[in-house]
C-alpha atoms as a PDB file:
ATOM      1  CA  UNK A   1       0.000   0.000   0.000  1.00  0.00           C
ATOM      2  CA  UNK A   2       1.295   3.457  -0.891  1.00  0.00           C
ATOM      3  CA  UNK A   3       1.163   5.809   2.093  1.00  0.00           C
ATOM      4  CA  UNK A   4       3.654   8.466   1.013  1.00  0.00           C
ATOM      5  CA  UNK A   5       3.968  10.253  -2.294  1.00  0.00           C
ATOM      6  CA  UNK A   6       7.516  10.902  -3.445  1.00  0.00           C
ATOM      7  CA  UNK A   7       8.531  13.187  -6.273  1.00  0.00           C
ATOM      8  CA  UNK A   8      10.194  12.000  -9.439  1.00  0.00           C
ATOM      9  CA  UNK A   9      13.717  13.365  -9.882  1.00  0.00           C
ATOM     10  CA  UNK A  10      13.710  13.672 -13.669  1.00  0.00           C
ATOM     11  CA  UNK A  11      10.721  12.682 -15.691  1.00  0.00           C
ATOM     12  CA  UNK A  12       8.964  12.937 -19.029  1.00  0.00           C
ATOM     13  CA  UNK A  13       5.293  13.834 -19.477  1.00  0.00           C
ATOM     14  CA  UNK A  14       3.719  13.273 -22.891  1.00  0.00           C
ATOM     15  CA  UNK A  15       0.707  15.392 -23.755  1.00  0.00           C
ATOM     16  CA  UNK A  16       2.242  17.987 -21.441  1.00  0.00           C
ATOM     17  CA  UNK A  17       0.137  20.875 -22.762  1.00  0.00           C
ATOM     18  CA  UNK A  18      -3.150  18.998 -22.427  1.00  0.00           C
ATOM     19  CA  UNK A  19      -5.659  18.828 -19.600  1.00  0.00           C
ATOM     20  CA  UNK A  20      -4.141  15.988 -17.581  1.00  0.00           C
ATOM     21  CA  UNK A  21      -0.550  16.476 -18.710  1.00  0.00           C
ATOM     22  CA  UNK A  22      -0.305  20.154 -17.804  1.00  0.00           C
ATOM     23  CA  UNK A  23      -1.844  19.575 -14.374  1.00  0.00           C
ATOM     24  CA  UNK A  24       0.572  16.717 -13.757  1.00  0.00           C
ATOM     25  CA  UNK A  25       3.572  18.818 -14.817  1.00  0.00           C
ATOM     26  CA  UNK A  26       2.548  21.549 -12.373  1.00  0.00           C
ATOM     27  CA  UNK A  27       2.418  19.052  -9.504  1.00  0.00           C
ATOM     28  CA  UNK A  28       5.726  17.446 -10.408  1.00  0.00           C
ATOM     29  CA  UNK A  29       7.437  20.834 -10.550  1.00  0.00           C
ATOM     30  CA  UNK A  30       6.017  21.786  -7.147  1.00  0.00           C
ATOM     31  CA  UNK A  31       7.422  18.552  -5.755  1.00  0.00           C
ATOM     32  CA  UNK A  32      10.896  19.373  -6.996  1.00  0.00           C
ATOM     33  CA  UNK A  33      11.123  17.350 -10.207  1.00  0.00           C
ATOM     34  CA  UNK A  34      12.830  18.286 -13.431  1.00  0.00           C
ATOM     35  CA  UNK A  35      10.252  17.751 -16.168  1.00  0.00           C
ATOM     36  CA  UNK A  36      10.599  17.283 -19.907  1.00  0.00           C
ATOM     37  CA  UNK A  37       7.221  17.884 -21.538  1.00  0.00           C
ATOM     38  CA  UNK A  38       6.313  16.627 -25.012  1.00  0.00           C
ATOM     39  CA  UNK A  39       3.299  17.717 -27.049  1.00  0.00           C
ATOM     40  CA  UNK A  40       2.492  17.680 -30.754  1.00  0.00           C
ATOM     41  CA  UNK A  41      -0.460  20.124 -30.846  1.00  0.00           C
ATOM     42  CA  UNK A  42      -2.615  17.920 -33.089  1.00  0.00           C
ATOM     43  CA  UNK A  43      -5.981  18.990 -34.465  1.00  0.00           C
ATOM     44  CA  UNK A  44      -7.799  16.958 -31.809  1.00  0.00           C
ATOM     45  CA  UNK A  45      -7.687  19.809 -29.286  1.00  0.00           C
ATOM     46  CA  UNK A  46      -8.280  23.547 -29.043  1.00  0.00           C
ATOM     47  CA  UNK A  47      -4.756  24.825 -29.723  1.00  0.00           C
ATOM     48  CA  UNK A  48      -5.285  28.153 -27.939  1.00  0.00           C
ATOM     49  CA  UNK A  49      -6.128  26.410 -24.678  1.00  0.00           C
ATOM     50  CA  UNK A  50      -3.088  24.161 -24.955  1.00  0.00           C
ATOM     51  CA  UNK A  51      -0.836  27.142 -25.695  1.00  0.00           C
ATOM     52  CA  UNK A  52      -2.158  28.852 -22.559  1.00  0.00           C
ATOM     53  CA  UNK A  53      -1.397  25.729 -20.531  1.00  0.00           C
ATOM     54  CA  UNK A  54       2.111  25.625 -21.958  1.00  0.00           C
ATOM     55  CA  UNK A  55       2.776  29.319 -21.282  1.00  0.00           C
ATOM     56  CA  UNK A  56       2.082  28.714 -17.600  1.00  0.00           C
ATOM     57  CA  UNK A  57       4.574  25.845 -17.537  1.00  0.00           C
ATOM     58  CA  UNK A  58       7.455  27.468 -19.394  1.00  0.00           C
ATOM     59  CA  UNK A  59       7.793  30.050 -16.609  1.00  0.00           C
ATOM     60  CA  UNK A  60       9.500  27.362 -14.533  1.00  0.00           C
ATOM     61  CA  UNK A  61      13.239  26.802 -14.948  1.00  0.00           C
ATOM     62  CA  UNK A  62      12.830  23.096 -14.120  1.00  0.00           C
ATOM     63  CA  UNK A  63      10.592  22.541 -17.141  1.00  0.00           C
ATOM     64  CA  UNK A  64      11.836  21.915 -20.678  1.00  0.00           C
ATOM     65  CA  UNK A  65       9.434  21.602 -23.580  1.00  0.00           C
ATOM     66  CA  UNK A  66       9.885  19.509 -26.710  1.00  0.00           C
ATOM     67  CA  UNK A  67       7.348  20.162 -29.449  1.00  0.00           C
ATOM     68  CA  UNK A  68       6.698  17.307 -31.820  1.00  0.00           C
ATOM     69  CA  UNK A  69       4.726  14.142 -32.469  1.00  0.00           C
ATOM     70  CA  UNK A  70       5.693  10.999 -30.573  1.00  0.00           C
ATOM     71  CA  UNK A  71       5.691   9.014 -33.815  1.00  0.00           C
ATOM     72  CA  UNK A  72       8.256  11.368 -35.361  1.00  0.00           C
ATOM     73  CA  UNK A  73      10.611  12.531 -32.598  1.00  0.00           C
ATOM     74  CA  UNK A  74      13.941  10.939 -31.676  1.00  0.00           C
ATOM     75  CA  UNK A  75      12.551   9.648 -28.395  1.00  0.00           C
ATOM     76  CA  UNK A  76      15.621   7.647 -27.360  1.00  0.00           C
ATOM     77  CA  UNK A  77      17.549  10.883 -27.009  1.00  0.00           C
ATOM     78  CA  UNK A  78      14.789  12.373 -24.845  1.00  0.00           C
ATOM     79  CA  UNK A  79      13.941   9.361 -22.694  1.00  0.00           C
ATOM     80  CA  UNK A  80      17.369   8.130 -21.646  1.00  0.00           C
ATOM     81  CA  UNK A  81      18.432   8.973 -18.105  1.00  0.00           C
ATOM     82  CA  UNK A  82      14.935   9.757 -16.815  1.00  0.00           C
ATOM     83  CA  UNK A  83      13.384   8.278 -13.704  1.00  0.00           C
ATOM     84  CA  UNK A  84       9.724   8.128 -14.692  1.00  0.00           C
ATOM     85  CA  UNK A  85       7.669   8.467 -17.867  1.00  0.00           C
ATOM     86  CA  UNK A  86       4.043   9.597 -17.732  1.00  0.00           C
ATOM     87  CA  UNK A  87       2.313   8.825 -21.038  1.00  0.00           C
ATOM     88  CA  UNK A  88      -0.750  11.102 -20.987  1.00  0.00           C
ATOM     89  CA  UNK A  89      -0.894  11.975 -24.706  1.00  0.00           C
ATOM     90  CA  UNK A  90      -3.786  10.690 -26.825  1.00  0.00           C
ATOM     91  CA  UNK A  91      -6.377  11.514 -29.422  1.00  0.00           C
ATOM     92  CA  UNK A  92      -9.423  11.304 -27.160  1.00  0.00           C
ATOM     93  CA  UNK A  93     -13.181  11.452 -27.609  1.00  0.00           C
ATOM     94  CA  UNK A  94     -15.610   8.559 -28.019  1.00  0.00           C
ATOM     95  CA  UNK A  95     -17.695  10.378 -30.651  1.00  0.00           C
ATOM     96  CA  UNK A  96     -14.875  10.690 -33.151  1.00  0.00           C
ATOM     97  CA  UNK A  97     -14.676   7.993 -35.759  1.00  0.00           C
ATOM     98  CA  UNK A  98     -17.294   5.736 -37.364  1.00  0.00           C
ATOM     99  CA  UNK A  99     -17.193   7.202 -40.836  1.00  0.00           C
ATOM    100  CA  UNK A 100     -14.197   9.439 -40.185  1.00  0.00           C
ATOM    101  CA  UNK A 101     -10.599   8.397 -40.897  1.00  0.00           C
ATOM    102  CA  UNK A 102      -9.244   5.808 -38.476  1.00  0.00           C
ATOM    103  CA  UNK A 103      -5.685   6.808 -39.369  1.00  0.00           C
ATOM    104  CA  UNK A 104      -5.498   9.686 -36.889  1.00  0.00           C
ATOM    105  CA  UNK A 105      -6.458   7.431 -33.937  1.00  0.00           C
ATOM    106  CA  UNK A 106      -3.953   4.833 -35.038  1.00  0.00           C
ATOM    107  CA  UNK A 107      -1.202   7.412 -35.516  1.00  0.00           C
ATOM    108  CA  UNK A 108      -1.792   9.514 -32.387  1.00  0.00           C
ATOM    109  CA  UNK A 109      -2.549   6.639 -30.017  1.00  0.00           C
ATOM    110  CA  UNK A 110      -1.296   3.254 -31.140  1.00  0.00           C
ATOM    111  CA  UNK A 111       1.761   4.086 -33.251  1.00  0.00           C
ATOM    112  CA  UNK A 112       2.853   6.824 -30.846  1.00  0.00           C
ATOM    113  CA  UNK A 113       2.684   4.431 -27.890  1.00  0.00           C
ATOM    114  CA  UNK A 114       4.657   1.760 -29.759  1.00  0.00           C
ATOM    115  CA  UNK A 115       7.384   4.264 -30.662  1.00  0.00           C
ATOM    116  CA  UNK A 116       7.555   5.407 -27.041  1.00  0.00           C
ATOM    117  CA  UNK A 117       7.875   1.833 -25.809  1.00  0.00           C
ATOM    118  CA  UNK A 118      10.498   0.993 -28.409  1.00  0.00           C
ATOM    119  CA  UNK A 119      12.570   3.981 -27.301  1.00  0.00           C
ATOM    120  CA  UNK A 120      12.254   2.905 -23.664  1.00  0.00           C
ATOM    121  CA  UNK A 121      13.404  -0.584 -24.609  1.00  0.00           C
ATOM    122  CA  UNK A 122      16.658   0.858 -25.935  1.00  0.00           C
ATOM    123  CA  UNK A 123      17.297   3.077 -22.898  1.00  0.00           C
ATOM    124  CA  UNK A 124      18.374   2.203 -19.373  1.00  0.00           C
ATOM    125  CA  UNK A 125      15.140   1.096 -17.694  1.00  0.00           C
ATOM    126  CA  UNK A 126      13.063   3.867 -16.180  1.00  0.00           C
ATOM    127  CA  UNK A 127      11.687   3.420 -12.707  1.00  0.00           C
ATOM    128  CA  UNK A 128       8.120   3.392 -14.030  1.00  0.00           C
ATOM    129  CA  UNK A 129       5.992   4.050 -17.093  1.00  0.00           C
ATOM    130  CA  UNK A 130       2.523   5.265 -16.128  1.00  0.00           C
ATOM    131  CA  UNK A 131       0.042   4.950 -18.984  1.00  0.00           C
ATOM    132  CA  UNK A 132      -3.234   6.884 -18.999  1.00  0.00           C
ATOM    133  CA  UNK A 133      -6.025   4.670 -20.294  1.00  0.00           C
ATOM    134  CA  UNK A 134      -9.797   5.031 -20.124  1.00  0.00           C
ATOM    135  CA  UNK A 135     -12.893   3.428 -18.644  1.00  0.00           C
ATOM    136  CA  UNK A 136     -14.293   3.454 -22.191  1.00  0.00           C
ATOM    137  CA  UNK A 137     -12.488   0.151 -22.815  1.00  0.00           C
ATOM    138  CA  UNK A 138     -15.233  -1.606 -20.789  1.00  0.00           C
ATOM    139  CA  UNK A 139     -17.803  -0.798 -23.433  1.00  0.00           C
ATOM    140  CA  UNK A 140     -21.459   0.148 -23.626  1.00  0.00           C
ATOM    141  CA  UNK A 141     -23.000  -1.390 -20.520  1.00  0.00           C
ATOM    142  CA  UNK A 142     -20.497  -3.193 -18.276  1.00  0.00           C
ATOM    143  CA  UNK A 143     -21.294  -4.737 -14.868  1.00  0.00           C
ATOM    144  CA  UNK A 144     -21.600  -2.007 -12.226  1.00  0.00           C
ATOM    145  CA  UNK A 145     -19.516  -1.075 -10.371  1.00  0.00           C
ATOM    146  CA  UNK A 146     -16.946  -2.298 -12.863  1.00  0.00           C
ATOM    147  CA  UNK A 147     -13.833  -4.143 -11.613  1.00  0.00           C
ATOM    148  CA  UNK A 148     -10.613  -4.265 -13.605  1.00  0.00           C
ATOM    149  CA  UNK A 149     -11.280  -7.947 -14.316  1.00  0.00           C
ATOM    150  CA  UNK A 150     -14.462  -7.129 -16.293  1.00  0.00           C
ATOM    151  CA  UNK A 151     -14.600  -8.018 -19.968  1.00  0.00           C
ATOM    152  CA  UNK A 152     -13.447  -5.257 -22.322  1.00  0.00           C
ATOM    153  CA  UNK A 153     -15.740  -4.344 -25.229  1.00  0.00           C
ATOM    154  CA  UNK A 154     -14.573  -0.997 -26.650  1.00  0.00           C
ATOM    155  CA  UNK A 155     -17.173   0.779 -28.788  1.00  0.00           C
ATOM    156  CA  UNK A 156     -15.237   3.687 -30.323  1.00  0.00           C
ATOM    157  CA  UNK A 157     -12.020   4.288 -32.245  1.00  0.00           C
ATOM    158  CA  UNK A 158     -10.639   5.985 -29.139  1.00  0.00           C
ATOM    159  CA  UNK A 159     -11.382   3.082 -26.801  1.00  0.00           C
ATOM    160  CA  UNK A 160     -10.292   0.470 -29.353  1.00  0.00           C
ATOM    161  CA  UNK A 161      -6.876   2.092 -29.789  1.00  0.00           C
ATOM    162  CA  UNK A 162      -6.493   2.705 -26.061  1.00  0.00           C
ATOM    163  CA  UNK A 163      -7.070  -0.974 -25.327  1.00  0.00           C
ATOM    164  CA  UNK A 164      -4.573  -1.880 -28.037  1.00  0.00           C
ATOM    165  CA  UNK A 165      -2.096   0.483 -26.350  1.00  0.00           C
ATOM    166  CA  UNK A 166      -2.663  -1.315 -23.044  1.00  0.00           C
ATOM    167  CA  UNK A 167      -1.796  -4.598 -24.761  1.00  0.00           C
ATOM    168  CA  UNK A 168       1.365  -3.043 -26.186  1.00  0.00           C
ATOM    169  CA  UNK A 169       2.404  -1.722 -22.777  1.00  0.00           C
ATOM    170  CA  UNK A 170       1.857  -5.139 -21.203  1.00  0.00           C
ATOM    171  CA  UNK A 171       3.708  -6.961 -23.998  1.00  0.00           C
ATOM    172  CA  UNK A 172       6.756  -4.699 -23.746  1.00  0.00           C
ATOM    173  CA  UNK A 173       6.671  -5.197 -20.001  1.00  0.00           C
ATOM    174  CA  UNK A 174       6.715  -8.985 -20.337  1.00  0.00           C
ATOM    175  CA  UNK A 175       9.298  -9.192 -23.120  1.00  0.00           C
ATOM    176  CA  UNK A 176      11.654  -6.343 -22.235  1.00  0.00           C
ATOM    177  CA  UNK A 177      11.058  -5.676 -18.547  1.00  0.00           C
ATOM    178  CA  UNK A 178       9.683  -2.154 -18.936  1.00  0.00           C
ATOM    179  CA  UNK A 179       8.021  -1.495 -15.562  1.00  0.00           C
ATOM    180  CA  UNK A 180       4.573  -0.094 -16.218  1.00  0.00           C
ATOM    181  CA  UNK A 181       1.249   0.726 -14.604  1.00  0.00           C
ATOM    182  CA  UNK A 182      -2.003   1.336 -16.491  1.00  0.00           C
ATOM    183  CA  UNK A 183      -4.587   3.699 -15.008  1.00  0.00           C
ATOM    184  CA  UNK A 184      -8.130   3.605 -16.401  1.00  0.00           C
ATOM    185  CA  UNK A 185      -9.568   7.055 -15.758  1.00  0.00           C
ATOM    186  CA  UNK A 186     -13.273   7.751 -15.395  1.00  0.00           C
ATOM    187  CA  UNK A 187     -14.487  11.050 -16.981  1.00  0.00           C
ATOM    188  CA  UNK A 188     -12.032  13.631 -15.687  1.00  0.00           C
ATOM    189  CA  UNK A 189     -13.286  17.168 -15.037  1.00  0.00           C
ATOM    190  CA  UNK A 190     -12.185  20.393 -13.379  1.00  0.00           C
ATOM    191  CA  UNK A 191     -10.328  23.582 -14.351  1.00  0.00           C
ATOM    192  CA  UNK A 192      -8.557  23.070 -17.666  1.00  0.00           C
ATOM    193  CA  UNK A 193     -10.968  20.401 -18.901  1.00  0.00           C
ATOM    194  CA  UNK A 194     -10.890  19.780 -22.638  1.00  0.00           C
ATOM    195  CA  UNK A 195     -13.423  21.966 -24.459  1.00  0.00           C
ATOM    196  CA  UNK A 196     -15.029  18.959 -26.159  1.00  0.00           C
ATOM    197  CA  UNK A 197     -15.999  17.335 -22.836  1.00  0.00           C
ATOM    198  CA  UNK A 198     -19.487  17.467 -21.367  1.00  0.00           C
ATOM    199  CA  UNK A 199     -19.172  19.697 -18.319  1.00  0.00           C
ATOM    200  CA  UNK A 200     -17.094  22.226 -20.249  1.00  0.00           C
ATOM    201  CA  UNK A 201     -19.641  22.312 -23.085  1.00  0.00           C
ATOM    202  CA  UNK A 202     -22.559  22.673 -20.673  1.00  0.00           C
ATOM    203  CA  UNK A 203     -20.992  25.452 -18.623  1.00  0.00           C
ATOM    204  CA  UNK A 204     -20.001  27.482 -21.660  1.00  0.00           C
ATOM    205  CA  UNK A 205     -23.548  27.124 -22.949  1.00  0.00           C
ATOM    206  CA  UNK A 206     -24.851  28.561 -19.679  1.00  0.00           C
ATOM    207  CA  UNK A 207     -22.553  31.566 -19.930  1.00  0.00           C
ATOM    208  CA  UNK A 208     -23.560  32.263 -23.536  1.00  0.00           C
ATOM    209  CA  UNK A 209     -27.258  31.461 -22.980  1.00  0.00           C
ATOM    210  CA  UNK A 210     -27.108  28.662 -25.534  1.00  0.00           C
ATOM    211  CA  UNK A 211     -29.153  25.500 -25.798  1.00  0.00           C
ATOM    212  CA  UNK A 212     -27.452  22.242 -24.847  1.00  0.00           C
ATOM    213  CA  UNK A 213     -27.944  18.967 -26.705  1.00  0.00           C
ATOM    214  CA  UNK A 214     -28.416  15.768 -24.716  1.00  0.00           C
ATOM    215  CA  UNK A 215     -27.762  12.554 -26.619  1.00  0.00           C
ATOM    216  CA  UNK A 216     -30.349  10.069 -25.390  1.00  0.00           C
ATOM    217  CA  UNK A 217     -32.795  10.628 -22.525  1.00  0.00           C
ATOM    218  CA  UNK A 218     -30.229  11.880 -20.008  1.00  0.00           C
ATOM    219  CA  UNK A 219     -30.663   8.845 -17.777  1.00  0.00           C
ATOM    220  CA  UNK A 220     -27.329   7.377 -18.794  1.00  0.00           C
ATOM    221  CA  UNK A 221     -24.968   7.364 -15.829  1.00  0.00           C
ATOM    222  CA  UNK A 222     -21.375   8.451 -15.443  1.00  0.00           C
ATOM    223  CA  UNK A 223     -18.679   8.255 -12.827  1.00  0.00           C
ATOM    224  CA  UNK A 224     -16.770  11.540 -12.830  1.00  0.00           C
ATOM    225  CA  UNK A 225     -13.336  12.212 -11.347  1.00  0.00           C
ATOM    226  CA  UNK A 226     -11.895  15.567 -10.322  1.00  0.00           C
ATOM    227  CA  UNK A 227      -8.560  16.248 -11.971  1.00  0.00           C
ATOM    228  CA  UNK A 228      -6.584  16.785  -8.750  1.00  0.00           C
ATOM    229  CA  UNK A 229      -7.776  13.455  -7.356  1.00  0.00           C
ATOM    230  CA  UNK A 230      -6.674  11.751 -10.575  1.00  0.00           C
ATOM    231  CA  UNK A 231      -3.238  13.381 -10.323  1.00  0.00           C
ATOM    232  CA  UNK A 232      -2.878  12.048  -6.790  1.00  0.00           C
ATOM    233  CA  UNK A 233      -3.451   8.554  -8.161  1.00  0.00           C
ATOM    234  CA  UNK A 234      -0.827   9.078 -10.878  1.00  0.00           C
ATOM    235  CA  UNK A 235       1.775  10.198  -8.355  1.00  0.00           C
ATOM    236  CA  UNK A 236       0.953   7.363  -5.953  1.00  0.00           C
ATOM    237  CA  UNK A 237       1.349   4.777  -8.702  1.00  0.00           C
ATOM    238  CA  UNK A 238       5.001   5.669  -9.313  1.00  0.00           C
ATOM    239  CA  UNK A 239       6.315   4.151  -6.106  1.00  0.00           C
ATOM    240  CA  UNK A 240       3.597   1.677  -5.174  1.00  0.00           C
ATOM    241  CA  UNK A 241       4.042  -2.037  -5.788  1.00  0.00           C
ATOM    242  CA  UNK A 242       1.843  -1.991  -8.888  1.00  0.00           C
ATOM    243  CA  UNK A 243       4.195  -2.987 -11.702  1.00  0.00           C
ATOM    244  CA  UNK A 244       2.150  -4.586 -14.462  1.00  0.00           C
ATOM    245  CA  UNK A 245      -1.151  -3.557 -12.864  1.00  0.00           C
ATOM    246  CA  UNK A 246      -4.314  -2.150 -14.427  1.00  0.00           C
ATOM    247  CA  UNK A 247      -6.135   0.121 -11.990  1.00  0.00           C
ATOM    248  CA  UNK A 248      -9.469   1.947 -12.146  1.00  0.00           C
ATOM    249  CA  UNK A 249      -9.367   5.598 -11.078  1.00  0.00           C
ATOM    250  CA  UNK A 250     -12.834   6.964 -10.326  1.00  0.00           C
ATOM    251  CA  UNK A 251     -13.962  10.011  -8.433  1.00  0.00           C
ATOM    252  CA  UNK A 252     -16.613   8.541  -6.145  1.00  0.00           C
ATOM    253  CA  UNK A 253     -19.446  10.411  -7.902  1.00  0.00           C
ATOM    254  CA  UNK A 254     -21.871   8.318  -9.953  1.00  0.00           C
ATOM    255  CA  UNK A 255     -25.155   9.724 -11.219  1.00  0.00           C
ATOM    256  CA  UNK A 256     -27.347  10.310 -14.254  1.00  0.00           C
ATOM    257  CA  UNK A 257     -26.546  13.060 -16.703  1.00  0.00           C
ATOM    258  CA  UNK A 258     -29.860  14.729 -15.850  1.00  0.00           C
ATOM    259  CA  UNK A 259     -28.889  14.886 -12.176  1.00  0.00           C
ATOM    260  CA  UNK A 260     -25.440  16.272 -12.985  1.00  0.00           C
ATOM    261  CA  UNK A 261     -27.152  19.063 -14.919  1.00  0.00           C
ATOM    262  CA  UNK A 262     -29.293  19.837 -11.872  1.00  0.00           C
ATOM    263  CA  UNK A 263     -26.182  20.140  -9.699  1.00  0.00           C
ATOM    264  CA  UNK A 264     -24.547  22.465 -12.244  1.00  0.00           C
ATOM    265  CA  UNK A 265     -27.668  24.638 -12.167  1.00  0.00           C
ATOM    266  CA  UNK A 266     -27.528  24.740  -8.357  1.00  0.00           C
ATOM    267  CA  UNK A 267     -23.828  25.590  -8.312  1.00  0.00           C
ATOM    268  CA  UNK A 268     -24.083  28.324 -10.951  1.00  0.00           C
ATOM    269  CA  UNK A 269     -27.519  29.707 -10.177  1.00  0.00           C
ATOM    270  CA  UNK A 270     -28.362  29.432 -13.896  1.00  0.00           C
ATOM    271  CA  UNK A 271     -30.768  27.251 -15.855  1.00  0.00           C
ATOM    272  CA  UNK A 272     -30.226  25.119 -18.944  1.00  0.00           C
ATOM    273  CA  UNK A 273     -32.229  25.131 -22.132  1.00  0.00           C
ATOM    274  CA  UNK A 274     -32.125  21.461 -23.143  1.00  0.00           C
ATOM    275  CA  UNK A 275     -32.821  19.539 -26.322  1.00  0.00           C
ATOM    276  CA  UNK A 276     -32.852  15.744 -26.336  1.00  0.00           C
ATOM    277  CA  UNK A 277     -31.776  13.894 -29.492  1.00  0.00           C
ATOM    278  CA  UNK A 278     -30.980  10.329 -30.500  1.00  0.00           C
ATOM    279  CA  UNK A 279     -27.954   8.719 -28.797  1.00  0.00           C
ATOM    280  CA  UNK A 280     -24.773   8.372 -30.816  1.00  0.00           C
ATOM    281  CA  UNK A 281     -22.699   5.282 -31.476  1.00  0.00           C
ATOM    282  CA  UNK A 282     -19.677   5.014 -29.207  1.00  0.00           C
ATOM    283  CA  UNK A 283     -21.261   6.535 -26.109  1.00  0.00           C
ATOM    284  CA  UNK A 284     -21.430   4.378 -22.998  1.00  0.00           C
ATOM    285  CA  UNK A 285     -24.795   3.754 -21.372  1.00  0.00           C
ATOM    286  CA  UNK A 286     -23.344   3.477 -17.872  1.00  0.00           C
ATOM    287  CA  UNK A 287     -19.981   3.862 -16.156  1.00  0.00           C
ATOM    288  CA  UNK A 288     -19.288   3.276 -12.474  1.00  0.00           C
ATOM    289  CA  UNK A 289     -15.849   2.419 -11.119  1.00  0.00           C
ATOM    290  CA  UNK A 290     -14.953  -0.264  -8.650  1.00  0.00           C
ATOM    291  CA  UNK A 291     -11.925   1.430  -7.046  1.00  0.00           C
ATOM    292  CA  UNK A 292     -11.205  -1.206  -4.382  1.00  0.00           C
ATOM    293  CA  UNK A 293      -7.884  -2.018  -6.012  1.00  0.00           C
ATOM    294  CA  UNK A 294      -6.801   1.644  -6.098  1.00  0.00           C
ATOM    295  CA  UNK A 295      -7.904   2.094  -2.505  1.00  0.00           C
ATOM    296  CA  UNK A 296      -5.937  -0.944  -1.360  1.00  0.00           C
ATOM    297  CA  UNK A 297      -2.644  -0.582  -3.217  1.00  0.00           C
ATOM    298  CA  UNK A 298      -2.495   3.171  -3.879  1.00  0.00           C
ATOM    299  CA  UNK A 299      -4.212   4.293  -0.685  1.00  0.00           C
ATOM    300  CA  UNK A 300      -6.440   6.211  -3.097  1.00  0.00           C
ATOM    301  CA  UNK A 301      -9.361   8.193  -1.699  1.00  0.00           C
ATOM    302  CA  UNK A 302     -10.863  10.962  -3.850  1.00  0.00           C
ATOM    303  CA  UNK A 303     -11.327  14.031  -1.688  1.00  0.00           C
ATOM    304  CA  UNK A 304     -13.078  16.612  -3.891  1.00  0.00           C
ATOM    305  CA  UNK A 305     -16.841  16.995  -3.548  1.00  0.00           C
ATOM    306  CA  UNK A 306     -18.836  17.204  -6.746  1.00  0.00           C
ATOM    307  CA  UNK A 307     -20.095  20.664  -5.866  1.00  0.00           C
ATOM    308  CA  UNK A 308     -16.612  22.018  -5.162  1.00  0.00           C
ATOM    309  CA  UNK A 309     -15.226  20.486  -8.342  1.00  0.00           C
ATOM    310  CA  UNK A 310     -17.986  21.867 -10.541  1.00  0.00           C
ATOM    311  CA  UNK A 311     -17.704  25.278  -8.928  1.00  0.00           C
ATOM    312  CA  UNK A 312     -13.943  25.357  -9.582  1.00  0.00           C
ATOM    313  CA  UNK A 313     -14.420  24.417 -13.233  1.00  0.00           C
ATOM    314  CA  UNK A 314     -17.191  26.971 -13.742  1.00  0.00           C
ATOM    315  CA  UNK A 315     -15.083  29.761 -12.253  1.00  0.00           C
ATOM    316  CA  UNK A 316     -12.192  28.792 -14.527  1.00  0.00           C
ATOM    317  CA  UNK A 317     -14.397  28.815 -17.634  1.00  0.00           C
ATOM    318  CA  UNK A 318     -16.055  32.081 -16.581  1.00  0.00           C
ATOM    319  CA  UNK A 319     -12.676  33.717 -16.023  1.00  0.00           C
ATOM    320  CA  UNK A 320     -11.466  32.676 -19.495  1.00  0.00           C
ATOM    321  CA  UNK A 321     -14.717  33.906 -21.022  1.00  0.00           C
ATOM    322  CA  UNK A 322     -14.416  37.274 -19.279  1.00  0.00           C
ATOM    323  CA  UNK A 323     -10.828  37.689 -20.489  1.00  0.00           C
ATOM    324  CA  UNK A 324     -11.748  36.965 -24.106  1.00  0.00           C
ATOM    325  CA  UNK A 325     -14.767  39.290 -24.189  1.00  0.00           C
END
């Protein structure tokens, strides 16, 4: 069981300008680490938001940024002589694909992960590779709450390539001894959330008095996880005895989409204009994490209340909106 969180001495964070990556870099820097951040600024993300994240990081002398795609960079030169590697980069989003080119998911997720692993194979072994995966690998309607041993039935290009990446990580661990841990995150939210994610979309719609679209009847359920709680799990996994493990990281909040919207209205004092449409392929019907494993071996206990987390995200979005107006 992991009781104490130690800092990495020198580490690499992929996707360093993204939602999870930038938050992780900030924490590592505060804990005294030297951080090399990598990001390719693909078209899967609002570039302006990522540039803002990066500007906040480059103020620190202990941070060095490498811009480029993981499938194209000379990673061996970057990864040698580091203690820990945090692979947070991905082309995310369950609604992408199905009629759109698969190539971008393959290139940004699967090929990039293989190139990273191949570079690690050629370097002196790092202390740990932490790979950010997703609860989407469990599929449309898994058993609830869902343990790590549940069958995987990915329903989107994103989840399909993420599960393939997990298999790559495990194979390189078995064949070449790369010490790795896979964390399956459940719907991360909070300040800095990607602009294509639900809470961000809903809160911006409130501020601009716009209608929101609900896919389905709103009774689908989600487990949501506040970003700072997720980062705690990432840091705990570095030194815990979890080599080769797959671990669910949930936030302890599980409810219907309709009820989440009610809480957002209570927190903001504003009301939604809603329109319900047909569900889309790739969306999960339900997600609810069994986090017993994380609790036992990472000493993981999410601490952020839903109301506090939503309030923090709304204030962040409102502040950015005020600055741009």
